[in-house]
C-alpha atoms as a PDB file:
ATOM      1  CA  MET A   1      -8.128  32.449  23.630  1.00  0.00           C
ATOM      2  CA  ILE A   2      -9.725  30.785  19.590  1.00  0.00           C
ATOM      3  CA  ILE A   3     -10.779  27.634  21.841  1.00  0.00           C
ATOM      4  CA  SER A   4     -13.213  29.855  24.759  1.00  0.00           C
ATOM      5  CA  GLU A   5     -14.436  31.151  21.665  1.00  0.00           C
ATOM      6  CA  GLN A   6     -15.190  27.614  19.641  1.00  0.00           C
ATOM      7  CA  GLN A   7     -17.324  26.949  21.964  1.00  0.00           C
ATOM      8  CA  GLN A   8     -18.898  29.677  22.730  1.00  0.00           C
ATOM      9  CA  LYS A   9     -20.457  29.017  18.984  1.00  0.00           C
ATOM     10  CA  THR A  10     -22.143  26.286  17.327  1.00  0.00           C
ATOM     11  CA  GLU A  11     -20.086  23.474  14.695  1.00  0.00           C
ATOM     12  CA  ASP A  12     -22.405  25.523  11.756  1.00  0.00           C
ATOM     13  CA  GLU A  13     -21.008  29.396  13.069  1.00  0.00           C
ATOM     14  CA  LEU A  14     -17.900  27.815  13.795  1.00  0.00           C
ATOM     15  CA  TRP A  15     -18.066  26.483   9.655  1.00  0.00           C
ATOM     16  CA  VAL A  16     -19.143  29.756   8.940  1.00  0.00           C
ATOM     17  CA  GLU A  17     -16.264  31.713   9.842  1.00  0.00           C
ATOM     18  CA  TYR A  18     -13.938  29.681   8.374  1.00  0.00           C
ATOM     19  CA  LYS A  19     -15.324  29.417   5.154  1.00  0.00           C
ATOM     20  CA  LYS A  20     -15.445  33.236   5.516  1.00  0.00           C
ATOM     21  CA  THR A  21     -11.487  33.598   6.793  1.00  0.00           C
ATOM     22  CA  HIS A  22      -9.476  30.390   6.010  1.00  0.00           C
ATOM     23  CA  ASP A  23      -8.139  31.530   9.543  1.00  0.00           C
ATOM     24  CA  THR A  24      -5.128  28.760  11.214  1.00  0.00           C
ATOM     25  CA  LYS A  25      -6.545  28.473  14.192  1.00  0.00           C
ATOM     26  CA  LEU A  26      -9.839  27.530  13.683  1.00  0.00           C
ATOM     27  CA  ARG A  27      -8.618  24.436  10.298  1.00  0.00           C
ATOM     28  CA  ASP A  28      -6.204  23.236  13.709  1.00  0.00           C
ATOM     29  CA  HIS A  29      -8.569  22.974  15.240  1.00  0.00           C
ATOM     30  CA  PHE A  30     -11.659  21.027  13.190  1.00  0.00           C
ATOM     31  CA  ILE A  31      -7.673  19.197  12.281  1.00  0.00           C
ATOM     32  CA  LYS A  32      -7.859  17.730  16.414  1.00  0.00           C
ATOM     33  CA  GLN A  33     -11.440  17.334  16.866  1.00  0.00           C
ATOM     34  CA  TYR A  34     -12.249  14.748  13.838  1.00  0.00           C
ATOM     35  CA  ALA A  35      -8.222  13.144  14.277  1.00  0.00           C
ATOM     36  CA  PRO A  36     -10.431  10.754  16.303  1.00  0.00           C
ATOM     37  CA  LEU A  37     -12.581   9.569  12.604  1.00  0.00           C
ATOM     38  CA  VAL A  38      -9.239  10.072  11.349  1.00  0.00           C
ATOM     39  CA  LYS A  39      -8.238   6.802  13.408  1.00  0.00           C
ATOM     40  CA  TYR A  40     -11.559   5.018  13.384  1.00  0.00           C
ATOM     41  CA  VAL A  41     -12.046   4.981   9.486  1.00  0.00           C
ATOM     42  CA  ALA A  42      -8.313   3.090   9.225  1.00  0.00           C
ATOM     43  CA  GLY A  43      -9.084   1.059  12.174  1.00  0.00           C
ATOM     44  CA  LYS A  44     -11.786  -0.085   9.667  1.00  0.00           C
ATOM     45  CA  LEU A  45      -9.361  -0.035   6.846  1.00  0.00           C
ATOM     46  CA  ALA A  46      -6.942  -1.953   7.412  1.00  0.00           C
ATOM     47  CA  THR A  47      -9.066  -4.684   8.525  1.00  0.00           C
ATOM     48  CA  ASN A  48      -9.034  -4.989   4.949  1.00  0.00           C
ATOM     49  CA  MET A  49      -5.399  -4.962   3.951  1.00  0.00           C
ATOM     50  CA  PRO A  50      -3.077  -6.928   3.402  1.00  0.00           C
ATOM     51  CA  GLN A  51      -0.547  -6.966   6.658  1.00  0.00           C
ATOM     52  CA  SER A  52       2.384  -5.867   4.323  1.00  0.00           C
ATOM     53  CA  VAL A  53       0.460  -2.083   4.742  1.00  0.00           C
ATOM     54  CA  ASP A  54       1.507  -0.716   8.213  1.00  0.00           C
ATOM     55  CA  PHE A  55      -1.097   0.764  10.161  1.00  0.00           C
ATOM     56  CA  ASP A  56       0.275   4.321  10.973  1.00  0.00           C
ATOM     57  CA  ASP A  57       1.006   4.405   7.999  1.00  0.00           C
ATOM     58  CA  LEU A  58      -3.347   4.651   7.419  1.00  0.00           C
ATOM     59  CA  ILE A  59      -3.829   7.734   9.809  1.00  0.00           C
ATOM     60  CA  SER A  60      -1.217   9.693   8.183  1.00  0.00           C
ATOM     61  CA  PHE A  61      -2.587   9.758   4.337  1.00  0.00           C
ATOM     62  CA  GLY A  62      -5.596   9.471   6.161  1.00  0.00           C
ATOM     63  CA  VAL A  63      -4.678  13.339   8.473  1.00  0.00           C
ATOM     64  CA  PHE A  64      -3.960  14.429   4.440  1.00  0.00           C
ATOM     65  CA  GLY A  65      -7.148  13.196   3.813  1.00  0.00           C
ATOM     66  CA  LEU A  66      -9.092  14.967   6.582  1.00  0.00           C
ATOM     67  CA  ILE A  67      -7.364  17.977   6.377  1.00  0.00           C
ATOM     68  CA  ASP A  68      -8.930  18.091   2.028  1.00  0.00           C
ATOM     69  CA  ALA A  69     -12.264  18.131   3.720  1.00  0.00           C
ATOM     70  CA  ILE A  70     -12.017  20.229   6.238  1.00  0.00           C
ATOM     71  CA  GLU A  71     -10.720  22.756   3.476  1.00  0.00           C
ATOM     72  CA  LYS A  72     -13.188  22.276   1.208  1.00  0.00           C
ATOM     73  CA  PHE A  73     -16.410  21.619   3.321  1.00  0.00           C
ATOM     74  CA  ASP A  74     -19.584  23.393   1.804  1.00  0.00           C
ATOM     75  CA  PRO A  75     -22.204  23.603   4.498  1.00  0.00           C
ATOM     76  CA  ASP A  76     -24.880  25.267   1.702  1.00  0.00           C
ATOM     77  CA  LYS A  77     -24.788  21.561   1.827  1.00  0.00           C
ATOM     78  CA  HIS A  78     -26.655  21.024   4.756  1.00  0.00           C
ATOM     79  CA  VAL A  79     -24.759  17.570   4.472  1.00  0.00           C
ATOM     80  CA  LYS A  80     -23.256  16.240   8.181  1.00  0.00           C
ATOM     81  CA  PHE A  81     -19.243  16.840   7.668  1.00  0.00           C
ATOM     82  CA  LYS A  82     -18.509  13.892   9.201  1.00  0.00           C
ATOM     83  CA  THR A  83     -20.701  12.133   6.544  1.00  0.00           C
ATOM     84  CA  TYR A  84     -17.722  13.815   4.375  1.00  0.00           C
ATOM     85  CA  ALA A  85     -14.668  13.587   5.386  1.00  0.00           C
ATOM     86  CA  VAL A  86     -14.759   9.805   5.851  1.00  0.00           C
ATOM     87  CA  THR A  87     -15.342   9.362   2.222  1.00  0.00           C
ATOM     88  CA  ARG A  88     -12.375  12.090   1.590  1.00  0.00           C
ATOM     89  CA  ILE A  89      -9.773  10.138   4.372  1.00  0.00           C
ATOM     90  CA  ARG A  90     -11.195   6.228   3.412  1.00  0.00           C
ATOM     91  CA  GLY A  91     -10.516   8.835  -0.342  1.00  0.00           C
ATOM     92  CA  ALA A  92      -7.234   9.617   0.409  1.00  0.00           C
ATOM     93  CA  ILE A  93      -5.805   6.748   1.649  1.00  0.00           C
ATOM     94  CA  PHE A  94      -6.672   4.356  -1.298  1.00  0.00           C
ATOM     95  CA  ASP A  95      -4.781   7.493  -3.434  1.00  0.00           C
ATOM     96  CA  GLU A  96      -1.483   6.845  -1.179  1.00  0.00           C
ATOM     97  CA  LEU A  97      -1.855   3.462  -1.652  1.00  0.00           C
ATOM     98  CA  ARG A  98      -2.382   3.025  -5.242  1.00  0.00           C
ATOM     99  CA  ASN A  99       0.588   6.242  -5.719  1.00  0.00           C
ATOM    100  CA  LEU A 100       2.324   2.812  -3.627  1.00  0.00           C
ATOM    101  CA  ASP A 101       1.226   1.193  -5.594  1.00  0.00           C
ATOM    102  CA  TRP A 102       2.572  -2.238  -4.300  1.00  0.00           C
ATOM    103  CA  ILE A 103      -0.317  -4.550  -6.240  1.00  0.00           C
ATOM    104  CA  PRO A 104       2.126  -7.070  -8.033  1.00  0.00           C
ATOM    105  CA  ARG A 105       1.631  -6.572 -12.023  1.00  0.00           C
ATOM    106  CA  SER A 106       0.067 -10.398 -12.035  1.00  0.00           C
ATOM    107  CA  ILE A 107      -2.631  -9.641 -10.317  1.00  0.00           C
ATOM    108  CA  ARG A 108      -2.632  -6.280 -11.372  1.00  0.00           C
ATOM    109  CA  GLN A 109      -3.233  -7.992 -15.082  1.00  0.00           C
ATOM    110  CA  LYS A 110      -6.010 -10.241 -13.760  1.00  0.00           C
ATOM    111  CA  SER A 111      -7.916  -7.752 -12.669  1.00  0.00           C
ATOM    112  CA  ARG A 112      -8.221  -6.191 -15.957  1.00  0.00           C
ATOM    113  CA  GLU A 113      -8.798  -9.151 -17.143  1.00  0.00           C
ATOM    114  CA  VAL A 114     -12.021  -9.917 -15.183  1.00  0.00           C
ATOM    115  CA  GLU A 115     -13.370  -6.366 -15.323  1.00  0.00           C
ATOM    116  CA  ASP A 116     -12.896  -6.789 -19.216  1.00  0.00           C
ATOM    117  CA  ALA A 117     -14.433  -9.462 -19.904  1.00  0.00           C
ATOM    118  CA  ILE A 118     -17.656  -8.690 -17.515  1.00  0.00           C
ATOM    119  CA  ALA A 119     -17.257  -5.383 -18.826  1.00  0.00           C
ATOM    120  CA  GLN A 120     -17.639  -7.327 -23.135  1.00  0.00           C
ATOM    121  CA  LEU A 121     -20.858  -9.764 -21.160  1.00  0.00           C
ATOM    122  CA  GLU A 122     -22.871  -6.965 -20.026  1.00  0.00           C
ATOM    123  CA  THR A 123     -22.942  -5.094 -22.682  1.00  0.00           C
ATOM    124  CA  ARG A 124     -23.368  -7.902 -24.775  1.00  0.00           C
ATOM    125  CA  LEU A 125     -26.728  -9.458 -22.354  1.00  0.00           C
ATOM    126  CA  GLY A 126     -27.998  -5.839 -21.794  1.00  0.00           C
ATOM    127  CA  ARG A 127     -27.663  -7.570 -18.135  1.00  0.00           C
ATOM    128  CA  SER A 128     -25.090  -8.656 -14.927  1.00  0.00           C
ATOM    129  CA  ALA A 129     -23.342 -11.905 -15.564  1.00  0.00           C
ATOM    130  CA  THR A 130     -23.142 -14.821 -13.504  1.00  0.00           C
ATOM    131  CA  ASP A 131     -20.244 -16.177 -12.702  1.00  0.00           C
ATOM    132  CA  SER A 132     -20.475 -18.936 -15.217  1.00  0.00           C
ATOM    133  CA  GLU A 133     -21.159 -16.462 -18.155  1.00  0.00           C
ATOM    134  CA  ILE A 134     -17.415 -14.572 -16.768  1.00  0.00           C
ATOM    135  CA  ALA A 135     -15.749 -17.930 -16.539  1.00  0.00           C
ATOM    136  CA  ARG A 136     -16.888 -19.482 -19.558  1.00  0.00           C
ATOM    137  CA  ALA A 137     -16.017 -16.223 -21.117  1.00  0.00           C
ATOM    138  CA  MET A 138     -12.683 -16.053 -19.264  1.00  0.00           C
ATOM    139  CA  GLY A 139     -11.719 -19.528 -20.250  1.00  0.00           C
ATOM    140  CA  ILE A 140     -11.582 -21.317 -16.962  1.00  0.00           C
ATOM    141  CA  SER A 141     -13.272 -22.990 -13.962  1.00  0.00           C
ATOM    142  CA  GLU A 142     -15.993 -21.446 -11.913  1.00  0.00           C
ATOM    143  CA  ASP A 143     -13.796 -22.380  -9.189  1.00  0.00           C
ATOM    144  CA  GLU A 144     -10.695 -20.862 -11.248  1.00  0.00           C
ATOM    145  CA  LEU A 145     -12.701 -17.279 -11.269  1.00  0.00           C
ATOM    146  CA  ALA A 146     -13.262 -17.647  -6.562  1.00  0.00           C
ATOM    147  CA  HIS A 147      -9.735 -18.189  -6.845  1.00  0.00           C
ATOM    148  CA  ILE A 148      -8.517 -15.407  -8.652  1.00  0.00           C
ATOM    149  CA  LEU A 149     -10.647 -12.730  -6.569  1.00  0.00           C
ATOM    150  CA  TYR A 150     -10.023 -14.114  -3.663  1.00  0.00           C
ATOM    151  CA  LYS A 151      -6.346 -13.435  -5.049  1.00  0.00           C
ATOM    152  CA  VAL A 152      -7.139  -9.554  -6.007  1.00  0.00           C
ATOM    153  CA  SER A 153      -9.518  -9.173  -3.062  1.00  0.00           C
ATOM    154  CA  ASN A 154      -6.612 -10.161  -1.052  1.00  0.00           C
ATOM    155  CA  THR A 155      -3.516  -7.975  -2.875  1.00  0.00           C
ATOM    156  CA  SER A 156      -5.297  -5.305  -4.591  1.00  0.00           C
ATOM    157  CA  VAL A 157      -7.030  -1.930  -4.171  1.00  0.00           C
ATOM    158  CA  LEU A 158     -10.048  -2.128  -5.226  1.00  0.00           C
ATOM    159  CA  SER A 159     -12.312   0.475  -4.110  1.00  0.00           C
ATOM    160  CA  LEU A 160     -15.348   3.014  -5.101  1.00  0.00           C
ATOM    161  CA  ASN A 161     -12.855   5.960  -3.812  1.00  0.00           C
ATOM    162  CA  ASP A 162     -12.044   5.339  -7.461  1.00  0.00           C
ATOM    163  CA  VAL A 163     -11.449   9.492  -8.926  1.00  0.00           C
ATOM    164  CA  TRP A 164     -13.854  10.112 -11.579  1.00  0.00           C
ATOM    165  CA  TYR A 165     -12.707  13.467 -13.568  1.00  0.00           C
ATOM    166  CA  THR A 166     -15.194  15.512 -15.368  1.00  0.00           C
ATOM    167  CA  LYS A 167     -13.892  17.076 -18.801  1.00  0.00           C
ATOM    168  CA  ASP A 168     -12.513  19.967 -16.350  1.00  0.00           C
ATOM    169  CA  GLU A 169      -9.172  18.153 -14.799  1.00  0.00           C
ATOM    170  CA  ASN A 170     -10.423  20.254 -11.576  1.00  0.00           C
ATOM    171  CA  GLU A 171     -13.443  18.405 -11.447  1.00  0.00           C
ATOM    172  CA  LYS A 172     -13.645  15.100 -10.135  1.00  0.00           C
ATOM    173  CA  MET A 173     -16.022  12.860  -7.754  1.00  0.00           C
ATOM    174  CA  SER A 174     -15.843   8.569  -6.642  1.00  0.00           C
ATOM    175  CA  ILE A 175     -18.293   6.670  -7.263  1.00  0.00           C
ATOM    176  CA  ALA A 176     -18.784   6.872  -4.097  1.00  0.00           C
ATOM    177  CA  ASP A 177     -19.739   9.653  -3.386  1.00  0.00           C
ATOM    178  CA  SER A 178     -22.847   8.515  -5.151  1.00  0.00           C
ATOM    179  CA  ILE A 179     -23.684   5.878  -2.800  1.00  0.00           C
ATOM    180  CA  GLU A 180     -22.624   7.538   0.669  1.00  0.00           C
ATOM    181  CA  SER A 181     -24.199  11.072   0.649  1.00  0.00           C
ATOM    182  CA  PRO A 182     -26.735  11.487  -2.825  1.00  0.00           C
ATOM    183  CA  GLN A 183     -28.050  14.311  -0.937  1.00  0.00           C
ATOM    184  CA  SER A 184     -24.839  16.901  -1.898  1.00  0.00           C
ATOM    185  CA  GLN A 185     -25.699  17.336  -5.144  1.00  0.00           C
ATOM    186  CA  ASN A 186     -24.523  20.628  -5.664  1.00  0.00           C
ATOM    187  CA  PRO A 187     -27.713  22.377  -8.384  1.00  0.00           C
ATOM    188  CA  ASP A 188     -26.024  24.533  -9.724  1.00  0.00           C
ATOM    189  CA  SER A 189     -23.308  21.638 -11.128  1.00  0.00           C
ATOM    190  CA  VAL A 190     -22.252  21.256 -14.723  1.00  0.00           C
ATOM    191  CA  MET A 191     -24.524  19.325 -16.574  1.00  0.00           C
ATOM    192  CA  GLU A 192     -21.779  16.774 -17.249  1.00  0.00           C
ATOM    193  CA  ARG A 193     -21.690  16.115 -13.887  1.00  0.00           C
ATOM    194  CA  GLU A 194     -24.546  15.566 -13.185  1.00  0.00           C
ATOM    195  CA  GLU A 195     -24.578  12.790 -16.329  1.00  0.00           C
ATOM    196  CA  ILE A 196     -21.854  11.194 -14.990  1.00  0.00           C
ATOM    197  CA  LYS A 197     -23.554  10.712 -11.144  1.00  0.00           C
ATOM    198  CA  LYS A 198     -27.268   9.398 -12.554  1.00  0.00           C
ATOM    199  CA  VAL A 199     -24.461   6.750 -14.121  1.00  0.00           C
ATOM    200  CA  ILE A 200     -23.327   5.602 -11.412  1.00  0.00           C
ATOM    201  CA  VAL A 201     -26.500   5.046  -9.567  1.00  0.00           C
ATOM    202  CA  ASN A 202     -28.370   3.158 -12.508  1.00  0.00           C
ATOM    203  CA  ALA A 203     -24.702   0.978 -12.819  1.00  0.00           C
ATOM    204  CA  ILE A 204     -24.802   0.240  -9.053  1.00  0.00           C
ATOM    205  CA  GLN A 205     -28.682  -0.564  -8.694  1.00  0.00           C
ATOM    206  CA  GLU A 206     -28.143  -3.247 -11.601  1.00  0.00           C
ATOM    207  CA  LEU A 207     -25.404  -4.646  -9.668  1.00  0.00           C
ATOM    208  CA  PRO A 208     -27.284  -8.246  -8.202  1.00  0.00           C
ATOM    209  CA  ASP A 209     -28.589  -7.704  -4.773  1.00  0.00           C
ATOM    210  CA  ASN A 210     -25.883  -9.257  -2.942  1.00  0.00           C
ATOM    211  CA  GLU A 211     -23.007  -6.956  -4.458  1.00  0.00           C
ATOM    212  CA  LYS A 212     -25.841  -3.455  -3.999  1.00  0.00           C
ATOM    213  CA  LYS A 213     -26.121  -4.636   0.275  1.00  0.00           C
ATOM    214  CA  VAL A 214     -22.380  -5.454   0.430  1.00  0.00           C
ATOM    215  CA  LEU A 215     -21.317  -1.494  -1.075  1.00  0.00           C
ATOM    216  CA  VAL A 216     -24.327   0.157   0.618  1.00  0.00           C
ATOM    217  CA  LEU A 217     -23.384  -1.869   4.349  1.00  0.00           C
ATOM    218  CA  TYR A 218     -19.625  -0.918   4.159  1.00  0.00           C
ATOM    219  CA  TYR A 219     -18.971   2.436   2.189  1.00  0.00           C
ATOM    220  CA  TYR A 220     -22.432   3.681   3.955  1.00  0.00           C
ATOM    221  CA  GLU A 221     -23.044   1.683   7.293  1.00  0.00           C
ATOM    222  CA  ASN A 222     -18.779   1.492   7.460  1.00  0.00           C
ATOM    223  CA  LEU A 223     -19.264  -1.973   8.412  1.00  0.00           C
ATOM    224  CA  THR A 224     -15.967  -4.363   8.115  1.00  0.00           C
ATOM    225  CA  LEU A 225     -15.464  -7.150   6.047  1.00  0.00           C
ATOM    226  CA  ARG A 226     -16.522  -9.501   8.938  1.00  0.00           C
ATOM    227  CA  GLU A 227     -19.085  -7.965  10.587  1.00  0.00           C
ATOM    228  CA  ILE A 228     -21.456  -7.778   7.045  1.00  0.00           C
ATOM    229  CA  GLY A 229     -20.870 -11.597   6.427  1.00  0.00           C
ATOM    230  CA  LYS A 230     -22.193 -11.944  10.375  1.00  0.00           C
ATOM    231  CA  VAL A 231     -25.523  -9.797   8.668  1.00  0.00           C
ATOM    232  CA  LEU A 232     -25.569 -11.861   5.606  1.00  0.00           C
ATOM    233  CA  ASP A 233     -24.660 -14.890   6.872  1.00  0.00           C
ATOM    234  CA  VAL A 234     -21.687 -16.378   5.128  1.00  0.00           C
ATOM    235  CA  THR A 235     -17.638 -16.090   5.457  1.00  0.00           C
ATOM    236  CA  GLU A 236     -15.212 -13.236   5.520  1.00  0.00           C
ATOM    237  CA  SER A 237     -13.253 -14.799   2.543  1.00  0.00           C
ATOM    238  CA  ARG A 238     -17.144 -14.646   0.168  1.00  0.00           C
ATOM    239  CA  VAL A 239     -18.436 -11.128   1.177  1.00  0.00           C
ATOM    240  CA  SER A 240     -14.520 -10.106  -0.230  1.00  0.00           C
ATOM    241  CA  GLN A 241     -15.391 -11.862  -3.613  1.00  0.00           C
ATOM    242  CA  LEU A 242     -18.938  -9.627  -4.035  1.00  0.00           C
ATOM    243  CA  HIS A 243     -16.629  -7.008  -3.257  1.00  0.00           C
ATOM    244  CA  THR A 244     -14.285  -7.543  -5.412  1.00  0.00           C
ATOM    245  CA  LYS A 245     -16.302  -7.944  -7.992  1.00  0.00           C
ATOM    246  CA  ALA A 246     -19.164  -5.894  -7.637  1.00  0.00           C
ATOM    247  CA  ILE A 247     -15.994  -2.984  -7.670  1.00  0.00           C
ATOM    248  CA  LEU A 248     -14.483  -5.338 -10.978  1.00  0.00           C
ATOM    249  CA  ARG A 249     -17.783  -5.187 -12.817  1.00  0.00           C
ATOM    250  CA  LEU A 250     -18.854  -1.057 -12.141  1.00  0.00           C
ATOM    251  CA  ARG A 251     -15.359  -0.456 -13.102  1.00  0.00           C
ATOM    252  CA  GLY A 252     -16.028  -2.243 -15.816  1.00  0.00           C
ATOM    253  CA  LYS A 253     -19.570  -1.078 -17.141  1.00  0.00           C
ATOM    254  CA  LEU A 254     -18.519   2.324 -16.203  1.00  0.00           C
ATOM    255  CA  THR A 255     -15.725   3.428 -18.948  1.00  0.00           C
ATOM    256  CA  HIS A 256     -18.001   1.904 -21.179  1.00  0.00           C
ATOM    257  CA  LEU A 257     -21.134   4.164 -20.866  1.00  0.00           C
ATOM    258  CA  LYS A 258     -18.633   6.977 -20.195  1.00  0.00           C
ATOM    259  CA  LYS A 259     -16.936   7.013 -23.411  1.00  0.00           C
ATOM    260  CA  GLY A 260     -20.136   7.811 -23.764  1.00  0.00           C
ATOM    261  CA  ILE A 261     -21.412  11.338 -21.962  1.00  0.00           C
ATOM    262  CA  LEU A 262     -17.121  12.378 -21.652  1.00  0.00           C
END
């Protein structure tokens, strides 16, 4: 039986065999073996999702990501499958949620306004913009800005798993790829892809320290917003705002920079 054969082989040997044969029984073995990882990721994300999002849906979406990870995993890159799969599972969940398009138009508009304001300010200032500067640029008070960030963070699906396409539409990457598994850079990748990675890494490094900490703890350490709040000694709501602001800051900056390298 295939199972008894698998038990006699190491994980690395099974991956090498699967890459050569694409045996469906081996694929099913990997799906069964790593199914708990889908539930784990879905559970982490569910704690930060609006109540309208069904947990079973998150698991279903995550399974697609697991299958995608199994198909695309390259053991020669010397990255643990779990590390690689978490990114793919989380990305698949966010992709499906965005496809449902349940975000209110008003919230989406406010999100874009904050993102544009940050991008324009930081391009002009050459540094991270403060809350007071962002609010002033939008013609609102800091309290109003905080309220907008609160609304966006509670209803939007903002994540580092937003996909970035290169000129080749089949070549894609996410911001999370650069923060979660920097060791997985493929030396055979085209220069364009590496250039985008450098831009992403630099943009993350330029974030305010508290926002950068939130991203690392959330996407690399896989902590929930509540757990991050305990680490940073702030409220969960504050962590949510920092996460939202970091994503808007990155998206705005990268959108502008991307135009110059693609």
